[in-house]
Amino acid sequence: MPLTLLTPRWIALHVTMVAAVVIFLALGWWQLGVYRDSAARQDLRDLAPVELADLAAPGRDLGAAAERAVSATGTYTSAASLVVPARVHEGVLGSYSVGVLHTSAGHVPVLRGWLDGAADPGGVLPSGQVRVTGHMVPPETSRDATDPDADLPAGQIGFIAPEQVADATGIDLNDLFHGYLVLSSEEPRPEFAPERLELSAVEPIRHVSPLQNLSYWALWWVFAGAAAVFWFSSARAAAREHDRLSRD
């Protein structure tokens, strides 16, 4: 390496460019990891449904049941659904309709869908035995509630969580599954059904498309390559200029 490339100015540039290339590569690797994680979670969601009781038990974390498609059979514990008020769906204010399904394994909160503001806020639940299929997701937290401190009337809960459901229904907390099922189908088909909610709308994997993460990965590595090319070109140009001046 010509001595001209070992001056303090060039040493500072070398350090800066090495740091830039390493940072760009690291950011690209991180985005690739995010993409792979998103793809793995989607693959998990796409698996065929299994019996909920085979994967989870009441009073415990969902574990292997989290984000899995599951099925359960039972009867709803009341004729009217619980209401989760002030939820926005596709820009419209409404509410969630939640039923509690009593199965042989325990009680499963079921997010049956969304009701717009003009609909009956209670919602009639099917009577008799039903079989539900959907995805199990972890409980909501107070941050998901529009107003966590609101004094709600009977039959309403601020967010879908075991403690909220237990307080509203009197069901023993240890008999509730620690999460809720986002309903995709219900047999027999009920006369009344709120608008079904896509899992991605309730529990998005990411707030951006996984393909965006993949494009960010490529972009950061392009930046790394561009920085390396700039660094090499600048150093070669400086070395050539030094050689030309030396010959003169």
C-alpha atoms as a PDB file:
ATOM      1  CA  MET A   1       0.000   0.000   0.000  1.00  0.00           C
ATOM      2  CA  PRO A   2       1.461   3.399  -0.969  1.00  0.00           C
ATOM      3  CA  LEU A   3       2.442   5.551   1.975  1.00  0.00           C
ATOM      4  CA  THR A   4       0.009   8.196   0.795  1.00  0.00           C
ATOM      5  CA  LEU A   5      -2.793   5.859   1.876  1.00  0.00           C
ATOM      6  CA  LEU A   6      -1.379   5.723   5.405  1.00  0.00           C
ATOM      7  CA  THR A   7      -1.713   9.400   6.213  1.00  0.00           C
ATOM      8  CA  PRO A   8      -4.002  10.337   9.126  1.00  0.00           C
ATOM      9  CA  ARG A   9      -6.673  11.484   6.662  1.00  0.00           C
ATOM     10  CA  TRP A  10      -6.641   8.157   4.817  1.00  0.00           C
ATOM     11  CA  ILE A  11      -6.451   6.097   7.992  1.00  0.00           C
ATOM     12  CA  ALA A  12      -9.590   7.888   9.199  1.00  0.00           C
ATOM     13  CA  LEU A  13     -11.285   7.108   5.878  1.00  0.00           C
ATOM     14  CA  HIS A  14     -10.230   3.437   6.071  1.00  0.00           C
ATOM     15  CA  VAL A  15     -11.687   3.124   9.571  1.00  0.00           C
ATOM     16  CA  THR A  16     -14.882   4.888   8.537  1.00  0.00           C
ATOM     17  CA  MET A  17     -15.388   2.731   5.463  1.00  0.00           C
ATOM     18  CA  VAL A  18     -14.661  -0.533   7.288  1.00  0.00           C
ATOM     19  CA  ALA A  19     -17.163   0.460   9.968  1.00  0.00           C
ATOM     20  CA  ALA A  20     -19.751   1.407   7.325  1.00  0.00           C
ATOM     21  CA  VAL A  21     -19.369  -1.884   5.464  1.00  0.00           C
ATOM     22  CA  VAL A  22     -19.614  -3.921   8.684  1.00  0.00           C
ATOM     23  CA  ILE A  23     -22.686  -1.974   9.841  1.00  0.00           C
ATOM     24  CA  PHE A  24     -24.424  -2.315   6.468  1.00  0.00           C
ATOM     25  CA  LEU A  25     -23.718  -6.052   6.372  1.00  0.00           C
ATOM     26  CA  ALA A  26     -24.973  -6.456   9.947  1.00  0.00           C
ATOM     27  CA  LEU A  27     -28.167  -4.533   9.199  1.00  0.00           C
ATOM     28  CA  GLY A  28     -28.744  -6.653   6.106  1.00  0.00           C
ATOM     29  CA  TRP A  29     -28.194  -9.848   8.091  1.00  0.00           C
ATOM     30  CA  TRP A  30     -30.647  -8.622  10.718  1.00  0.00           C
ATOM     31  CA  GLN A  31     -33.321  -7.937   8.090  1.00  0.00           C
ATOM     32  CA  LEU A  32     -32.731 -11.379   6.600  1.00  0.00           C
ATOM     33  CA  GLY A  33     -33.238 -12.872  10.054  1.00  0.00           C
ATOM     34  CA  VAL A  34     -36.491 -10.941  10.462  1.00  0.00           C
ATOM     35  CA  TYR A  35     -37.674 -12.259   7.087  1.00  0.00           C
ATOM     36  CA  ARG A  36     -36.792 -15.845   8.022  1.00  0.00           C
ATOM     37  CA  ASP A  37     -38.577 -15.490  11.359  1.00  0.00           C
ATOM     38  CA  SER A  38     -41.683 -14.099   9.642  1.00  0.00           C
ATOM     39  CA  ALA A  39     -41.630 -16.910   7.081  1.00  0.00           C
ATOM     40  CA  ALA A  40     -41.254 -19.530   9.829  1.00  0.00           C
ATOM     41  CA  ARG A  41     -44.189 -18.060  11.777  1.00  0.00           C
ATOM     42  CA  GLN A  42     -46.341 -18.059   8.644  1.00  0.00           C
ATOM     43  CA  ASP A  43     -45.395 -21.680   7.937  1.00  0.00           C
ATOM     44  CA  LEU A  44     -46.479 -22.514  11.496  1.00  0.00           C
ATOM     45  CA  ARG A  45     -49.820 -20.778  10.955  1.00  0.00           C
ATOM     46  CA  ASP A  46     -50.367 -22.674   7.711  1.00  0.00           C
ATOM     47  CA  LEU A  47     -50.160 -26.122   9.337  1.00  0.00           C
ATOM     48  CA  ALA A  48     -53.320 -28.214   9.368  1.00  0.00           C
ATOM     49  CA  PRO A  49     -55.538 -27.807  12.462  1.00  0.00           C
ATOM     50  CA  VAL A  50     -55.034 -30.114  15.419  1.00  0.00           C
ATOM     51  CA  GLU A  51     -57.049 -30.627  18.590  1.00  0.00           C
ATOM     52  CA  LEU A  52     -56.442 -27.777  21.025  1.00  0.00           C
ATOM     53  CA  ALA A  53     -56.320 -30.162  23.984  1.00  0.00           C
ATOM     54  CA  ASP A  54     -53.388 -31.983  22.359  1.00  0.00           C
ATOM     55  CA  LEU A  55     -51.235 -28.834  22.486  1.00  0.00           C
ATOM     56  CA  ALA A  56     -52.340 -26.776  25.465  1.00  0.00           C
ATOM     57  CA  ALA A  57     -54.059 -26.934  28.836  1.00  0.00           C
ATOM     58  CA  PRO A  58     -56.017 -24.378  30.874  1.00  0.00           C
ATOM     59  CA  GLY A  59     -54.136 -22.130  33.280  1.00  0.00           C
ATOM     60  CA  ARG A  60     -50.826 -22.467  31.423  1.00  0.00           C
ATOM     61  CA  ASP A  61     -49.022 -20.578  28.686  1.00  0.00           C
ATOM     62  CA  LEU A  62     -50.042 -21.649  25.211  1.00  0.00           C
ATOM     63  CA  GLY A  63     -46.636 -23.109  24.405  1.00  0.00           C
ATOM     64  CA  ALA A  64     -46.815 -25.131  21.195  1.00  0.00           C
ATOM     65  CA  ALA A  65     -50.400 -23.983  20.607  1.00  0.00           C
ATOM     66  CA  ALA A  66     -49.410 -20.345  20.080  1.00  0.00           C
ATOM     67  CA  GLU A  67     -50.321 -19.263  16.536  1.00  0.00           C
ATOM     68  CA  ARG A  68     -51.329 -22.829  15.601  1.00  0.00           C
ATOM     69  CA  ALA A  69     -54.532 -23.708  13.807  1.00  0.00           C
ATOM     70  CA  VAL A  70     -56.610 -25.744  16.247  1.00  0.00           C
ATOM     71  CA  SER A  71     -60.077 -27.187  16.634  1.00  0.00           C
ATOM     72  CA  ALA A  72     -62.243 -27.680  19.698  1.00  0.00           C
ATOM     73  CA  THR A  73     -65.739 -28.976  20.381  1.00  0.00           C
ATOM     74  CA  GLY A  74     -68.073 -27.779  23.104  1.00  0.00           C
ATOM     75  CA  THR A  75     -70.963 -25.505  24.014  1.00  0.00           C
ATOM     76  CA  TYR A  76     -71.003 -21.783  24.657  1.00  0.00           C
ATOM     77  CA  THR A  77     -71.474 -20.923  28.312  1.00  0.00           C
ATOM     78  CA  SER A  78     -74.115 -18.244  27.687  1.00  0.00           C
ATOM     79  CA  ALA A  79     -76.562 -17.165  25.016  1.00  0.00           C
ATOM     80  CA  ALA A  80     -74.949 -13.751  24.563  1.00  0.00           C
ATOM     81  CA  SER A  81     -71.363 -12.976  23.683  1.00  0.00           C
ATOM     82  CA  LEU A  82     -68.999 -10.813  25.654  1.00  0.00           C
ATOM     83  CA  VAL A  83     -68.354  -7.473  23.986  1.00  0.00           C
ATOM     84  CA  VAL A  84     -64.966  -5.812  23.610  1.00  0.00           C
ATOM     85  CA  PRO A  85     -65.955  -2.221  22.814  1.00  0.00           C
ATOM     86  CA  ALA A  86     -64.314   0.495  20.745  1.00  0.00           C
ATOM     87  CA  ARG A  87     -62.330  -1.636  18.312  1.00  0.00           C
ATOM     88  CA  VAL A  88     -61.559  -0.320  14.839  1.00  0.00           C
ATOM     89  CA  HIS A  89     -61.695  -2.619  11.826  1.00  0.00           C
ATOM     90  CA  GLU A  90     -60.885  -1.286   8.365  1.00  0.00           C
ATOM     91  CA  GLY A  91     -61.337   2.253   9.604  1.00  0.00           C
ATOM     92  CA  VAL A  92     -64.778   1.668  11.158  1.00  0.00           C
ATOM     93  CA  LEU A  93     -65.489   1.802  14.891  1.00  0.00           C
ATOM     94  CA  GLY A  94     -67.228  -1.222  16.325  1.00  0.00           C
ATOM     95  CA  SER A  95     -66.654  -4.011  18.804  1.00  0.00           C
ATOM     96  CA  TYR A  96     -65.346  -7.548  19.090  1.00  0.00           C
ATOM     97  CA  SER A  97     -67.733 -10.409  19.833  1.00  0.00           C
ATOM     98  CA  VAL A  98     -66.277 -13.043  22.176  1.00  0.00           C
ATOM     99  CA  GLY A  99     -67.878 -16.317  23.223  1.00  0.00           C
ATOM    100  CA  VAL A 100     -66.559 -18.672  25.879  1.00  0.00           C
ATOM    101  CA  LEU A 101     -66.636 -22.276  24.710  1.00  0.00           C
ATOM    102  CA  HIS A 102     -66.933 -24.959  27.390  1.00  0.00           C
ATOM    103  CA  THR A 103     -64.991 -28.036  26.257  1.00  0.00           C
ATOM    104  CA  SER A 104     -64.042 -31.237  28.044  1.00  0.00           C
ATOM    105  CA  ALA A 105     -60.543 -29.793  28.474  1.00  0.00           C
ATOM    106  CA  GLY A 106     -61.559 -26.360  29.768  1.00  0.00           C
ATOM    107  CA  HIS A 107     -62.998 -23.018  28.712  1.00  0.00           C
ATOM    108  CA  VAL A 108     -61.781 -21.380  25.500  1.00  0.00           C
ATOM    109  CA  PRO A 109     -62.376 -17.672  24.782  1.00  0.00           C
ATOM    110  CA  VAL A 110     -63.350 -17.443  21.107  1.00  0.00           C
ATOM    111  CA  LEU A 111     -63.070 -14.208  19.148  1.00  0.00           C
ATOM    112  CA  ARG A 112     -66.003 -14.834  16.815  1.00  0.00           C
ATOM    113  CA  GLY A 113     -65.622 -11.616  14.847  1.00  0.00           C
ATOM    114  CA  TRP A 114     -66.338  -7.927  14.649  1.00  0.00           C
ATOM    115  CA  LEU A 115     -69.578  -5.959  14.879  1.00  0.00           C
ATOM    116  CA  ASP A 116     -69.941  -2.472  13.468  1.00  0.00           C
ATOM    117  CA  GLY A 117     -71.439   0.255  15.594  1.00  0.00           C
ATOM    118  CA  ALA A 118     -74.908  -0.233  14.129  1.00  0.00           C
ATOM    119  CA  ALA A 119     -75.098  -3.948  14.978  1.00  0.00           C
ATOM    120  CA  ASP A 120     -76.591  -5.529  18.071  1.00  0.00           C
ATOM    121  CA  PRO A 121     -73.757  -5.083  20.585  1.00  0.00           C
ATOM    122  CA  GLY A 122     -74.491  -8.352  22.345  1.00  0.00           C
ATOM    123  CA  GLY A 123     -74.670 -10.911  19.611  1.00  0.00           C
ATOM    124  CA  VAL A 124     -76.467 -14.232  19.935  1.00  0.00           C
ATOM    125  CA  LEU A 125     -74.306 -17.306  20.388  1.00  0.00           C
ATOM    126  CA  PRO A 126     -75.233 -20.700  18.924  1.00  0.00           C
ATOM    127  CA  SER A 127     -76.939 -23.118  21.271  1.00  0.00           C
ATOM    128  CA  GLY A 128     -75.995 -26.754  21.479  1.00  0.00           C
ATOM    129  CA  GLN A 129     -72.695 -28.358  20.628  1.00  0.00           C
ATOM    130  CA  VAL A 130     -70.439 -26.617  18.102  1.00  0.00           C
ATOM    131  CA  ARG A 131     -67.047 -27.309  16.631  1.00  0.00           C
ATOM    132  CA  VAL A 132     -64.810 -24.303  16.158  1.00  0.00           C
ATOM    133  CA  THR A 133     -61.610 -23.974  14.170  1.00  0.00           C
ATOM    134  CA  GLY A 134     -59.181 -21.080  14.240  1.00  0.00           C
ATOM    135  CA  HIS A 135     -55.799 -19.951  15.506  1.00  0.00           C
ATOM    136  CA  MET A 136     -54.811 -19.667  19.148  1.00  0.00           C
ATOM    137  CA  VAL A 137     -53.039 -16.450  20.061  1.00  0.00           C
ATOM    138  CA  PRO A 138     -51.691 -15.108  23.366  1.00  0.00           C
ATOM    139  CA  PRO A 139     -53.957 -12.959  25.552  1.00  0.00           C
ATOM    140  CA  GLU A 140     -54.279  -9.255  24.935  1.00  0.00           C
ATOM    141  CA  THR A 141     -52.970  -6.769  27.482  1.00  0.00           C
ATOM    142  CA  SER A 142     -54.336  -3.498  28.823  1.00  0.00           C
ATOM    143  CA  ARG A 143     -52.395  -1.710  26.079  1.00  0.00           C
ATOM    144  CA  ASP A 144     -54.806  -3.243  23.548  1.00  0.00           C
ATOM    145  CA  ALA A 145     -57.810  -1.674  25.268  1.00  0.00           C
ATOM    146  CA  THR A 146     -59.088   1.638  23.954  1.00  0.00           C
ATOM    147  CA  ASP A 147     -59.566   2.830  27.548  1.00  0.00           C
ATOM    148  CA  PRO A 148     -58.045   0.398  30.081  1.00  0.00           C
ATOM    149  CA  ASP A 149     -59.526   2.316  33.041  1.00  0.00           C
ATOM    150  CA  ALA A 150     -63.069   2.536  31.677  1.00  0.00           C
ATOM    151  CA  ASP A 151     -65.861   1.374  33.974  1.00  0.00           C
ATOM    152  CA  LEU A 152     -67.555  -1.087  31.641  1.00  0.00           C
ATOM    153  CA  PRO A 153     -71.091  -2.448  32.084  1.00  0.00           C
ATOM    154  CA  ALA A 154     -71.842  -6.126  32.624  1.00  0.00           C
ATOM    155  CA  GLY A 155     -71.124  -8.228  29.566  1.00  0.00           C
ATOM    156  CA  GLN A 156     -68.236  -6.076  28.365  1.00  0.00           C
ATOM    157  CA  ILE A 157     -64.486  -6.544  28.782  1.00  0.00           C
ATOM    158  CA  GLY A 158     -61.712  -4.103  27.956  1.00  0.00           C
ATOM    159  CA  PHE A 159     -59.422  -6.667  26.351  1.00  0.00           C
ATOM    160  CA  ILE A 160     -59.333 -10.417  25.761  1.00  0.00           C
ATOM    161  CA  ALA A 161     -57.397 -11.937  28.637  1.00  0.00           C
ATOM    162  CA  PRO A 162     -58.122 -14.711  31.157  1.00  0.00           C
ATOM    163  CA  GLU A 163     -58.504 -12.296  34.081  1.00  0.00           C
ATOM    164  CA  GLN A 164     -61.002 -10.162  32.169  1.00  0.00           C
ATOM    165  CA  VAL A 165     -63.030 -13.176  31.046  1.00  0.00           C
ATOM    166  CA  ALA A 166     -62.987 -14.699  34.531  1.00  0.00           C
ATOM    167  CA  ASP A 167     -64.216 -11.463  36.120  1.00  0.00           C
ATOM    168  CA  ALA A 168     -67.014 -11.103  33.565  1.00  0.00           C
ATOM    169  CA  THR A 169     -68.228 -14.710  33.644  1.00  0.00           C
ATOM    170  CA  GLY A 170     -67.314 -16.092  37.059  1.00  0.00           C
ATOM    171  CA  ILE A 171     -65.341 -18.944  35.465  1.00  0.00           C
ATOM    172  CA  ASP A 172     -62.380 -20.138  37.507  1.00  0.00           C
ATOM    173  CA  LEU A 173     -59.207 -18.600  36.128  1.00  0.00           C
ATOM    174  CA  ASN A 174     -57.438 -21.965  36.208  1.00  0.00           C
ATOM    175  CA  ASP A 175     -60.133 -23.419  33.950  1.00  0.00           C
ATOM    176  CA  LEU A 176     -59.518 -20.878  31.174  1.00  0.00           C
ATOM    177  CA  PHE A 177     -57.041 -21.392  28.359  1.00  0.00           C
ATOM    178  CA  HIS A 178     -54.324 -18.753  28.512  1.00  0.00           C
ATOM    179  CA  GLY A 179     -55.123 -17.100  25.198  1.00  0.00           C
ATOM    180  CA  TYR A 180     -58.005 -16.957  22.774  1.00  0.00           C
ATOM    181  CA  LEU A 181     -59.049 -18.535  19.512  1.00  0.00           C
ATOM    182  CA  VAL A 182     -59.471 -16.305  16.451  1.00  0.00           C
ATOM    183  CA  LEU A 183     -62.389 -18.055  14.785  1.00  0.00           C
ATOM    184  CA  SER A 184     -62.179 -19.044  11.133  1.00  0.00           C
ATOM    185  CA  SER A 185     -65.044 -21.580  10.941  1.00  0.00           C
ATOM    186  CA  GLU A 186     -67.841 -22.892  13.108  1.00  0.00           C
ATOM    187  CA  GLU A 187     -69.999 -25.978  12.616  1.00  0.00           C
ATOM    188  CA  PRO A 188     -72.926 -26.087  12.422  1.00  0.00           C
ATOM    189  CA  ARG A 189     -73.076 -22.693  10.790  1.00  0.00           C
ATOM    190  CA  PRO A 190     -74.893 -20.251  13.081  1.00  0.00           C
ATOM    191  CA  GLU A 191     -77.833 -18.075  12.113  1.00  0.00           C
ATOM    192  CA  PHE A 192     -76.047 -15.042  13.517  1.00  0.00           C
ATOM    193  CA  ALA A 193     -72.357 -14.523  12.846  1.00  0.00           C
ATOM    194  CA  PRO A 194     -70.326 -11.349  13.189  1.00  0.00           C
ATOM    195  CA  GLU A 195     -67.877 -10.404  10.479  1.00  0.00           C
ATOM    196  CA  ARG A 196     -64.955 -12.821  10.562  1.00  0.00           C
ATOM    197  CA  LEU A 197     -61.581 -11.312  11.348  1.00  0.00           C
ATOM    198  CA  GLU A 198     -58.446 -12.402   9.540  1.00  0.00           C
ATOM    199  CA  LEU A 199     -55.682 -13.588  11.847  1.00  0.00           C
ATOM    200  CA  SER A 200     -53.303 -11.097  10.228  1.00  0.00           C
ATOM    201  CA  ALA A 201     -55.639  -8.254  11.230  1.00  0.00           C
ATOM    202  CA  VAL A 202     -55.827  -9.381  14.860  1.00  0.00           C
ATOM    203  CA  GLU A 203     -52.280 -10.649  15.341  1.00  0.00           C
ATOM    204  CA  PRO A 204     -50.016  -9.441  12.514  1.00  0.00           C
ATOM    205  CA  ILE A 205     -46.687 -11.195  12.203  1.00  0.00           C
ATOM    206  CA  ARG A 206     -45.043  -7.889  11.396  1.00  0.00           C
ATOM    207  CA  HIS A 207     -46.338  -4.417  10.735  1.00  0.00           C
ATOM    208  CA  VAL A 208     -44.607  -4.549   7.356  1.00  0.00           C
ATOM    209  CA  SER A 209     -44.677  -7.243   4.688  1.00  0.00           C
ATOM    210  CA  PRO A 210     -41.984  -9.936   5.036  1.00  0.00           C
ATOM    211  CA  LEU A 211     -41.035  -9.138   1.438  1.00  0.00           C
ATOM    212  CA  GLN A 212     -40.137  -5.644   2.606  1.00  0.00           C
ATOM    213  CA  ASN A 213     -37.683  -7.166   5.074  1.00  0.00           C
ATOM    214  CA  LEU A 214     -36.211  -9.190   2.230  1.00  0.00           C
ATOM    215  CA  SER A 215     -35.846  -6.071   0.080  1.00  0.00           C
ATOM    216  CA  TYR A 216     -34.257  -4.211   3.019  1.00  0.00           C
ATOM    217  CA  TRP A 217     -31.743  -7.041   3.368  1.00  0.00           C
ATOM    218  CA  ALA A 218     -30.773  -6.694  -0.298  1.00  0.00           C
ATOM    219  CA  LEU A 219     -30.675  -2.908  -0.021  1.00  0.00           C
ATOM    220  CA  TRP A 220     -28.336  -2.875   2.977  1.00  0.00           C
ATOM    221  CA  TRP A 221     -25.979  -5.291   1.254  1.00  0.00           C
ATOM    222  CA  VAL A 222     -26.046  -3.140  -1.894  1.00  0.00           C
ATOM    223  CA  PHE A 223     -25.051  -0.221   0.335  1.00  0.00           C
ATOM    224  CA  ALA A 224     -22.200  -2.329   1.737  1.00  0.00           C
ATOM    225  CA  GLY A 225     -21.033  -3.181  -1.770  1.00  0.00           C
ATOM    226  CA  ALA A 226     -21.317   0.448  -2.883  1.00  0.00           C
ATOM    227  CA  ALA A 227     -19.290   1.602   0.129  1.00  0.00           C
ATOM    228  CA  ALA A 228     -16.591  -0.996  -0.617  1.00  0.00           C
ATOM    229  CA  VAL A 229     -16.451   0.014  -4.295  1.00  0.00           C
ATOM    230  CA  PHE A 230     -16.235   3.707  -3.356  1.00  0.00           C
ATOM    231  CA  TRP A 231     -13.480   2.954  -0.863  1.00  0.00           C
ATOM    232  CA  PHE A 232     -11.492   0.871  -3.357  1.00  0.00           C
ATOM    233  CA  SER A 233     -11.966   3.390  -6.179  1.00  0.00           C
ATOM    234  CA  SER A 234     -10.904   6.321  -4.020  1.00  0.00           C
ATOM    235  CA  ALA A 235      -7.816   4.490  -2.778  1.00  0.00           C
ATOM    236  CA  ARG A 236      -6.834   3.414  -6.300  1.00  0.00           C
ATOM    237  CA  ALA A 237      -7.325   6.941  -7.632  1.00  0.00           C
ATOM    238  CA  ALA A 238      -5.190   8.367  -4.815  1.00  0.00           C
ATOM    239  CA  ALA A 239      -2.474   5.774  -5.448  1.00  0.00           C
ATOM    240  CA  ARG A 240      -2.430   6.544  -9.186  1.00  0.00           C
ATOM    241  CA  GLU A 241      -2.257  10.259  -8.496  1.00  0.00           C
ATOM    242  CA  HIS A 242       0.629   9.664  -6.123  1.00  0.00           C
ATOM    243  CA  ASP A 243       2.456   7.593  -8.781  1.00  0.00           C
ATOM    244  CA  ARG A 244       1.872  10.292 -11.426  1.00  0.00           C
ATOM    245  CA  LEU A 245       3.239  13.029  -9.183  1.00  0.00           C
ATOM    246  CA  SER A 246       6.227  10.852  -8.296  1.00  0.00           C
ATOM    247  CA  ARG A 247       7.058  10.352 -11.990  1.00  0.00           C
ATOM    248  CA  ASP A 248       6.756  14.059 -12.637  1.00  0.00           C
END
